[in-house]
Amino acid sequence: SVPFGTATMVAGTDDNGYSAATLGLHFRGEYNAVTAAIISSSGVTGNKVEMGFTDTTAGTDAGQVNAIDTPTWNATDAAVWIYDTDSTTKNDGWYGLAVPNGGTAVTVAPTSIGNSAGDTVPVLDTRELMIVATQEGSVRFLRGENLSNRWVITYDSTWQASGITATVSLSPWLFVQARAGSASRTLTIDRWTTWCWRSS
């Protein structure tokens, strides 16, 4: 390990190549699981990023969200922040998406996340604090950034009902995918932590 270092996820130079990371199916909504990551991206264009919770650790799917527009899913239960420039109608910034047991999805569409540009697009090579929280079957999406050497929450979706199945085991999830032919994309992880209540 490197003191004060970072971890990187590299999508590679294949078109739609990707890198995925999970931490194991150890968390549930009924135990109020929360995952938080400080991340930055090497590319604003030609990029797909997901951060949150999912019900699989296989890493064989190209994202937990198959298509953001409808949306359609590879996961059965998941709650993620997603940014995907390949979307036809939702390629303009971060969205919060969640699905309970393959049912009707929750979609959170911020008009601003409090970033320096006043929009919802990730800022190139700029660290963002992304948080997905659960409370029973409800989900919550939060975003923050470092302002004057202090991390401040700049967006809070509030609790969204019927986001996940409370009793399904979930894993934290980070994902990056190259969307521009041979132009690789790198997701840099400054910090990633997840916690929940004990089961007994």
C-alpha atoms as a PDB file:
ATOM      1  CA  SER A   1       0.000   0.000   0.000  1.00  0.00           C
ATOM      2  CA  VAL A   2       1.008   3.616  -0.537  1.00  0.00           C
ATOM      3  CA  PRO A   3       0.369   6.147   2.245  1.00  0.00           C
ATOM      4  CA  PHE A   4      -2.054   8.831   1.049  1.00  0.00           C
ATOM      5  CA  GLY A   5      -2.300   6.971  -2.256  1.00  0.00           C
ATOM      6  CA  THR A   6      -5.233   6.257  -4.557  1.00  0.00           C
ATOM      7  CA  ALA A   7      -6.627   3.244  -6.376  1.00  0.00           C
ATOM      8  CA  THR A   8      -7.386   3.379 -10.087  1.00  0.00           C
ATOM      9  CA  MET A   9      -9.837   1.471 -12.263  1.00  0.00           C
ATOM     10  CA  VAL A  10      -8.900   1.446 -15.965  1.00  0.00           C
ATOM     11  CA  ALA A  11     -11.483   0.612 -18.637  1.00  0.00           C
ATOM     12  CA  GLY A  12      -8.871  -0.230 -21.282  1.00  0.00           C
ATOM     13  CA  THR A  13      -8.793   0.537 -24.985  1.00  0.00           C
ATOM     14  CA  ASP A  14     -11.502  -1.865 -26.197  1.00  0.00           C
ATOM     15  CA  ASP A  15     -14.732  -0.172 -27.262  1.00  0.00           C
ATOM     16  CA  ASN A  16     -17.087  -0.520 -24.266  1.00  0.00           C
ATOM     17  CA  GLY A  17     -14.314  -2.103 -22.230  1.00  0.00           C
ATOM     18  CA  TYR A  18     -14.826  -1.748 -18.483  1.00  0.00           C
ATOM     19  CA  SER A  19     -13.513  -2.246 -14.972  1.00  0.00           C
ATOM     20  CA  ALA A  20     -15.698  -3.184 -11.995  1.00  0.00           C
ATOM     21  CA  ALA A  21     -15.131  -3.524  -8.243  1.00  0.00           C
ATOM     22  CA  THR A  22     -17.263  -5.023  -5.457  1.00  0.00           C
ATOM     23  CA  LEU A  23     -16.755  -5.582  -1.741  1.00  0.00           C
ATOM     24  CA  GLY A  24     -19.037  -8.574  -1.135  1.00  0.00           C
ATOM     25  CA  LEU A  25     -22.723  -9.214  -0.382  1.00  0.00           C
ATOM     26  CA  HIS A  26     -22.486  -8.172   3.276  1.00  0.00           C
ATOM     27  CA  PHE A  27     -25.015  -5.314   3.464  1.00  0.00           C
ATOM     28  CA  ARG A  28     -28.799  -4.879   3.463  1.00  0.00           C
ATOM     29  CA  GLY A  29     -31.323  -2.084   3.389  1.00  0.00           C
ATOM     30  CA  GLU A  30     -32.947  -3.414   6.544  1.00  0.00           C
ATOM     31  CA  TYR A  31     -29.641  -2.634   8.319  1.00  0.00           C
ATOM     32  CA  ASN A  32     -29.462   0.904   6.859  1.00  0.00           C
ATOM     33  CA  ALA A  33     -26.424   0.268   4.647  1.00  0.00           C
ATOM     34  CA  VAL A  34     -24.482   3.279   3.332  1.00  0.00           C
ATOM     35  CA  THR A  35     -21.653   3.377   0.793  1.00  0.00           C
ATOM     36  CA  ALA A  36     -19.541   6.487   0.166  1.00  0.00           C
ATOM     37  CA  ALA A  37     -16.708   7.063  -2.305  1.00  0.00           C
ATOM     38  CA  ILE A  38     -14.499   9.988  -3.232  1.00  0.00           C
ATOM     39  CA  ILE A  39     -13.876   9.526  -6.951  1.00  0.00           C
ATOM     40  CA  SER A  40     -12.716  11.409 -10.032  1.00  0.00           C
ATOM     41  CA  SER A  41     -12.835  10.588 -13.729  1.00  0.00           C
ATOM     42  CA  SER A  42     -10.245  11.048 -16.469  1.00  0.00           C
ATOM     43  CA  GLY A  43     -12.901  11.743 -19.083  1.00  0.00           C
ATOM     44  CA  VAL A  44     -16.193  13.608 -19.151  1.00  0.00           C
ATOM     45  CA  THR A  45     -17.005  12.474 -22.702  1.00  0.00           C
ATOM     46  CA  GLY A  46     -17.154   8.845 -23.823  1.00  0.00           C
ATOM     47  CA  ASN A  47     -17.638   7.562 -20.303  1.00  0.00           C
ATOM     48  CA  LYS A  48     -19.954   5.504 -18.083  1.00  0.00           C
ATOM     49  CA  VAL A  49     -19.564   5.484 -14.304  1.00  0.00           C
ATOM     50  CA  GLU A  50     -21.687   3.737 -11.650  1.00  0.00           C
ATOM     51  CA  MET A  51     -21.368   3.937  -7.874  1.00  0.00           C
ATOM     52  CA  GLY A  52     -23.654   2.418  -5.239  1.00  0.00           C
ATOM     53  CA  PHE A  53     -25.085  -0.989  -4.284  1.00  0.00           C
ATOM     54  CA  THR A  54     -25.949  -4.107  -6.279  1.00  0.00           C
ATOM     55  CA  ASP A  55     -27.125  -7.667  -5.620  1.00  0.00           C
ATOM     56  CA  THR A  56     -24.307  -9.344  -7.584  1.00  0.00           C
ATOM     57  CA  THR A  57     -20.528  -9.598  -7.362  1.00  0.00           C
ATOM     58  CA  ALA A  58     -20.015 -11.439 -10.660  1.00  0.00           C
ATOM     59  CA  GLY A  59     -18.565  -8.461 -12.527  1.00  0.00           C
ATOM     60  CA  THR A  60     -19.581 -10.042 -15.837  1.00  0.00           C
ATOM     61  CA  ASP A  61     -22.216  -7.432 -16.725  1.00  0.00           C
ATOM     62  CA  ALA A  62     -21.295  -4.129 -18.342  1.00  0.00           C
ATOM     63  CA  GLY A  63     -22.834  -2.166 -15.492  1.00  0.00           C
ATOM     64  CA  GLN A  64     -25.788  -2.751 -13.204  1.00  0.00           C
ATOM     65  CA  VAL A  65     -27.837  -0.408 -15.390  1.00  0.00           C
ATOM     66  CA  ASN A  66     -28.081  -1.833 -18.899  1.00  0.00           C
ATOM     67  CA  ALA A  67     -29.670   1.276 -20.417  1.00  0.00           C
ATOM     68  CA  ILE A  68     -30.335   4.463 -18.469  1.00  0.00           C
ATOM     69  CA  ASP A  69     -33.059   5.861 -20.748  1.00  0.00           C
ATOM     70  CA  THR A  70     -35.891   3.436 -19.936  1.00  0.00           C
ATOM     71  CA  PRO A  71     -34.183   2.280 -17.653  1.00  0.00           C
ATOM     72  CA  THR A  72     -33.359  -1.415 -18.040  1.00  0.00           C
ATOM     73  CA  TRP A  73     -31.200  -3.376 -15.641  1.00  0.00           C
ATOM     74  CA  ASN A  74     -28.676  -6.192 -15.415  1.00  0.00           C
ATOM     75  CA  ALA A  75     -29.199  -6.263 -11.640  1.00  0.00           C
ATOM     76  CA  THR A  76     -32.419  -7.338  -9.904  1.00  0.00           C
ATOM     77  CA  ASP A  77     -31.863  -5.131  -6.843  1.00  0.00           C
ATOM     78  CA  ALA A  78     -29.543  -2.127  -7.091  1.00  0.00           C
ATOM     79  CA  ALA A  79     -29.211   1.555  -6.240  1.00  0.00           C
ATOM     80  CA  VAL A  80     -26.542   3.552  -8.060  1.00  0.00           C
ATOM     81  CA  TRP A  81     -25.395   6.966  -9.086  1.00  0.00           C
ATOM     82  CA  ILE A  82     -24.837   6.736 -12.851  1.00  0.00           C
ATOM     83  CA  TYR A  83     -23.275   8.941 -15.516  1.00  0.00           C
ATOM     84  CA  ASP A  84     -23.456   7.596 -19.082  1.00  0.00           C
ATOM     85  CA  THR A  85     -22.695   9.623 -22.190  1.00  0.00           C
ATOM     86  CA  ASP A  86     -24.098   6.850 -24.443  1.00  0.00           C
ATOM     87  CA  SER A  87     -27.617   7.583 -23.224  1.00  0.00           C
ATOM     88  CA  THR A  88     -29.966   9.167 -25.740  1.00  0.00           C
ATOM     89  CA  THR A  89     -32.049  11.204 -23.277  1.00  0.00           C
ATOM     90  CA  LYS A  90     -30.064  11.123 -20.009  1.00  0.00           C
ATOM     91  CA  ASN A  91     -26.498  11.900 -21.084  1.00  0.00           C
ATOM     92  CA  ASP A  92     -26.384  15.308 -19.400  1.00  0.00           C
ATOM     93  CA  GLY A  93     -25.034  14.404 -15.951  1.00  0.00           C
ATOM     94  CA  TRP A  94     -25.405  12.277 -12.834  1.00  0.00           C
ATOM     95  CA  TYR A  95     -28.659  10.400 -12.222  1.00  0.00           C
ATOM     96  CA  GLY A  96     -29.725   8.342  -9.222  1.00  0.00           C
ATOM     97  CA  LEU A  97     -31.375   5.043 -10.178  1.00  0.00           C
ATOM     98  CA  ALA A  98     -32.707   2.194  -8.054  1.00  0.00           C
ATOM     99  CA  VAL A  99     -34.701  -0.976  -8.699  1.00  0.00           C
ATOM    100  CA  PRO A 100     -36.476  -3.246  -6.173  1.00  0.00           C
ATOM    101  CA  ASN A 101     -36.684  -6.926  -7.163  1.00  0.00           C
ATOM    102  CA  GLY A 102     -36.724  -6.139 -10.874  1.00  0.00           C
ATOM    103  CA  GLY A 103     -39.794  -3.933 -10.475  1.00  0.00           C
ATOM    104  CA  THR A 104     -40.537  -0.279 -11.160  1.00  0.00           C
ATOM    105  CA  ALA A 105     -37.371   1.788 -11.025  1.00  0.00           C
ATOM    106  CA  VAL A 106     -36.808   4.939  -8.980  1.00  0.00           C
ATOM    107  CA  THR A 107     -35.198   7.731 -11.013  1.00  0.00           C
ATOM    108  CA  VAL A 108     -33.680  10.831  -9.420  1.00  0.00           C
ATOM    109  CA  ALA A 109     -32.825  13.553 -11.943  1.00  0.00           C
ATOM    110  CA  PRO A 110     -31.008  16.485 -10.287  1.00  0.00           C
ATOM    111  CA  THR A 111     -31.016  19.831 -12.080  1.00  0.00           C
ATOM    112  CA  SER A 112     -27.888  20.830 -10.180  1.00  0.00           C
ATOM    113  CA  ILE A 113     -25.540  18.959  -7.843  1.00  0.00           C
ATOM    114  CA  GLY A 114     -23.801  22.062  -6.536  1.00  0.00           C
ATOM    115  CA  ASN A 115     -20.643  21.673  -8.591  1.00  0.00           C
ATOM    116  CA  SER A 116     -18.525  24.558  -9.852  1.00  0.00           C
ATOM    117  CA  ALA A 117     -20.267  24.586 -13.244  1.00  0.00           C
ATOM    118  CA  GLY A 118     -23.754  24.726 -11.752  1.00  0.00           C
ATOM    119  CA  ASP A 119     -24.885  21.596 -13.624  1.00  0.00           C
ATOM    120  CA  THR A 120     -24.823  17.833 -12.989  1.00  0.00           C
ATOM    121  CA  VAL A 121     -21.826  16.812 -15.126  1.00  0.00           C
ATOM    122  CA  PRO A 122     -18.696  15.446 -13.410  1.00  0.00           C
ATOM    123  CA  VAL A 123     -15.813  17.904 -13.583  1.00  0.00           C
ATOM    124  CA  LEU A 124     -12.726  16.444 -15.270  1.00  0.00           C
ATOM    125  CA  ASP A 125     -10.159  15.070 -12.783  1.00  0.00           C
ATOM    126  CA  THR A 126     -12.038  16.701  -9.879  1.00  0.00           C
ATOM    127  CA  ARG A 127     -12.856  14.681  -6.783  1.00  0.00           C
ATOM    128  CA  GLU A 128     -16.512  14.183  -5.900  1.00  0.00           C
ATOM    129  CA  LEU A 129     -17.990  12.570  -2.797  1.00  0.00           C
ATOM    130  CA  MET A 130     -20.784  10.254  -3.950  1.00  0.00           C
ATOM    131  CA  ILE A 131     -23.045   8.551  -1.389  1.00  0.00           C
ATOM    132  CA  VAL A 132     -25.847   6.003  -1.669  1.00  0.00           C
ATOM    133  CA  ALA A 133     -27.768   5.326   1.540  1.00  0.00           C
ATOM    134  CA  THR A 134     -30.516   2.830   2.336  1.00  0.00           C
ATOM    135  CA  GLN A 135     -33.174   2.686   5.023  1.00  0.00           C
ATOM    136  CA  GLU A 136     -35.249  -0.473   4.820  1.00  0.00           C
ATOM    137  CA  GLY A 137     -36.531  -0.317   1.219  1.00  0.00           C
ATOM    138  CA  SER A 138     -35.875   3.391   0.713  1.00  0.00           C
ATOM    139  CA  VAL A 139     -32.792   4.875  -0.956  1.00  0.00           C
ATOM    140  CA  ARG A 140     -31.086   8.259  -0.823  1.00  0.00           C
ATOM    141  CA  PHE A 141     -28.516   9.840  -3.149  1.00  0.00           C
ATOM    142  CA  LEU A 142     -26.067  12.468  -1.882  1.00  0.00           C
ATOM    143  CA  ARG A 143     -23.150  14.282  -3.499  1.00  0.00           C
ATOM    144  CA  GLY A 144     -20.443  16.536  -2.029  1.00  0.00           C
ATOM    145  CA  GLU A 145     -17.174  18.253  -2.828  1.00  0.00           C
ATOM    146  CA  ASN A 146     -14.179  19.735  -1.105  1.00  0.00           C
ATOM    147  CA  LEU A 147     -14.733  23.440  -0.485  1.00  0.00           C
ATOM    148  CA  SER A 148     -11.921  25.305   1.295  1.00  0.00           C
ATOM    149  CA  ASN A 149     -10.437  22.022   2.572  1.00  0.00           C
ATOM    150  CA  ARG A 150     -13.778  20.852   3.971  1.00  0.00           C
ATOM    151  CA  TRP A 151     -16.075  18.237   2.478  1.00  0.00           C
ATOM    152  CA  VAL A 152     -19.577  19.678   2.081  1.00  0.00           C
ATOM    153  CA  ILE A 153     -22.769  17.950   0.925  1.00  0.00           C
ATOM    154  CA  THR A 154     -23.983  19.870  -2.134  1.00  0.00           C
ATOM    155  CA  TYR A 155     -26.903  17.646  -3.182  1.00  0.00           C
ATOM    156  CA  ASP A 156     -29.389  15.483  -1.261  1.00  0.00           C
ATOM    157  CA  SER A 157     -32.222  13.642  -3.009  1.00  0.00           C
ATOM    158  CA  THR A 158     -34.009  12.934   0.308  1.00  0.00           C
ATOM    159  CA  TRP A 159     -35.429   9.453   0.891  1.00  0.00           C
ATOM    160  CA  GLN A 160     -36.992   7.747  -2.134  1.00  0.00           C
ATOM    161  CA  ALA A 161     -39.479   5.001  -1.269  1.00  0.00           C
ATOM    162  CA  SER A 162     -39.503   1.515  -2.863  1.00  0.00           C
ATOM    163  CA  GLY A 163     -35.928   1.727  -4.102  1.00  0.00           C
ATOM    164  CA  ILE A 164     -34.636  -1.726  -3.149  1.00  0.00           C
ATOM    165  CA  THR A 165     -35.739  -4.916  -1.396  1.00  0.00           C
ATOM    166  CA  ALA A 166     -34.858  -4.433   2.275  1.00  0.00           C
ATOM    167  CA  THR A 167     -33.911  -8.091   2.907  1.00  0.00           C
ATOM    168  CA  VAL A 168     -31.693  -8.658  -0.170  1.00  0.00           C
ATOM    169  CA  SER A 169     -27.946  -8.835   0.455  1.00  0.00           C
ATOM    170  CA  LEU A 170     -26.079  -6.097  -1.386  1.00  0.00           C
ATOM    171  CA  SER A 171     -22.494  -5.325  -2.325  1.00  0.00           C
ATOM    172  CA  PRO A 172     -20.916  -1.899  -2.765  1.00  0.00           C
ATOM    173  CA  TRP A 173     -20.204  -1.308  -6.457  1.00  0.00           C
ATOM    174  CA  LEU A 174     -17.878   0.892  -8.518  1.00  0.00           C
ATOM    175  CA  PHE A 175     -17.717   0.724 -12.305  1.00  0.00           C
ATOM    176  CA  VAL A 176     -16.162   2.587 -15.231  1.00  0.00           C
ATOM    177  CA  GLN A 177     -16.658   1.920 -18.952  1.00  0.00           C
ATOM    178  CA  ALA A 178     -15.056   3.441 -22.040  1.00  0.00           C
ATOM    179  CA  ARG A 179     -17.686   4.728 -24.471  1.00  0.00           C
ATOM    180  CA  ALA A 180     -15.439   6.229 -27.151  1.00  0.00           C
ATOM    181  CA  GLY A 181     -13.776   3.446 -29.120  1.00  0.00           C
ATOM    182  CA  SER A 182     -10.097   3.060 -28.161  1.00  0.00           C
ATOM    183  CA  ALA A 183     -10.092   6.012 -25.735  1.00  0.00           C
ATOM    184  CA  SER A 184      -9.673   4.426 -22.310  1.00  0.00           C
ATOM    185  CA  ARG A 185     -11.218   5.946 -19.192  1.00  0.00           C
ATOM    186  CA  THR A 186      -9.812   5.846 -15.656  1.00  0.00           C
ATOM    187  CA  LEU A 187     -11.768   6.155 -12.413  1.00  0.00           C
ATOM    188  CA  THR A 188      -9.575   7.252  -9.504  1.00  0.00           C
ATOM    189  CA  ILE A 189     -10.689   6.232  -6.012  1.00  0.00           C
ATOM    190  CA  ASP A 190      -9.467   8.475  -3.235  1.00  0.00           C
ATOM    191  CA  ARG A 191     -11.566   6.769  -0.569  1.00  0.00           C
ATOM    192  CA  TRP A 192     -14.292   4.113  -0.472  1.00  0.00           C
ATOM    193  CA  THR A 193     -16.091   2.992   2.658  1.00  0.00           C
ATOM    194  CA  THR A 194     -19.316   1.163   3.473  1.00  0.00           C
ATOM    195  CA  TRP A 195     -21.121   0.494   6.728  1.00  0.00           C
ATOM    196  CA  CYS A 196     -24.414  -0.716   8.208  1.00  0.00           C
ATOM    197  CA  TRP A 197     -25.987  -1.710  11.508  1.00  0.00           C
ATOM    198  CA  ARG A 198     -25.244  -5.106  12.993  1.00  0.00           C
ATOM    199  CA  SER A 199     -27.838  -7.828  12.381  1.00  0.00           C
ATOM    200  CA  SER A 200     -28.114  -8.750  16.069  1.00  0.00           C
END
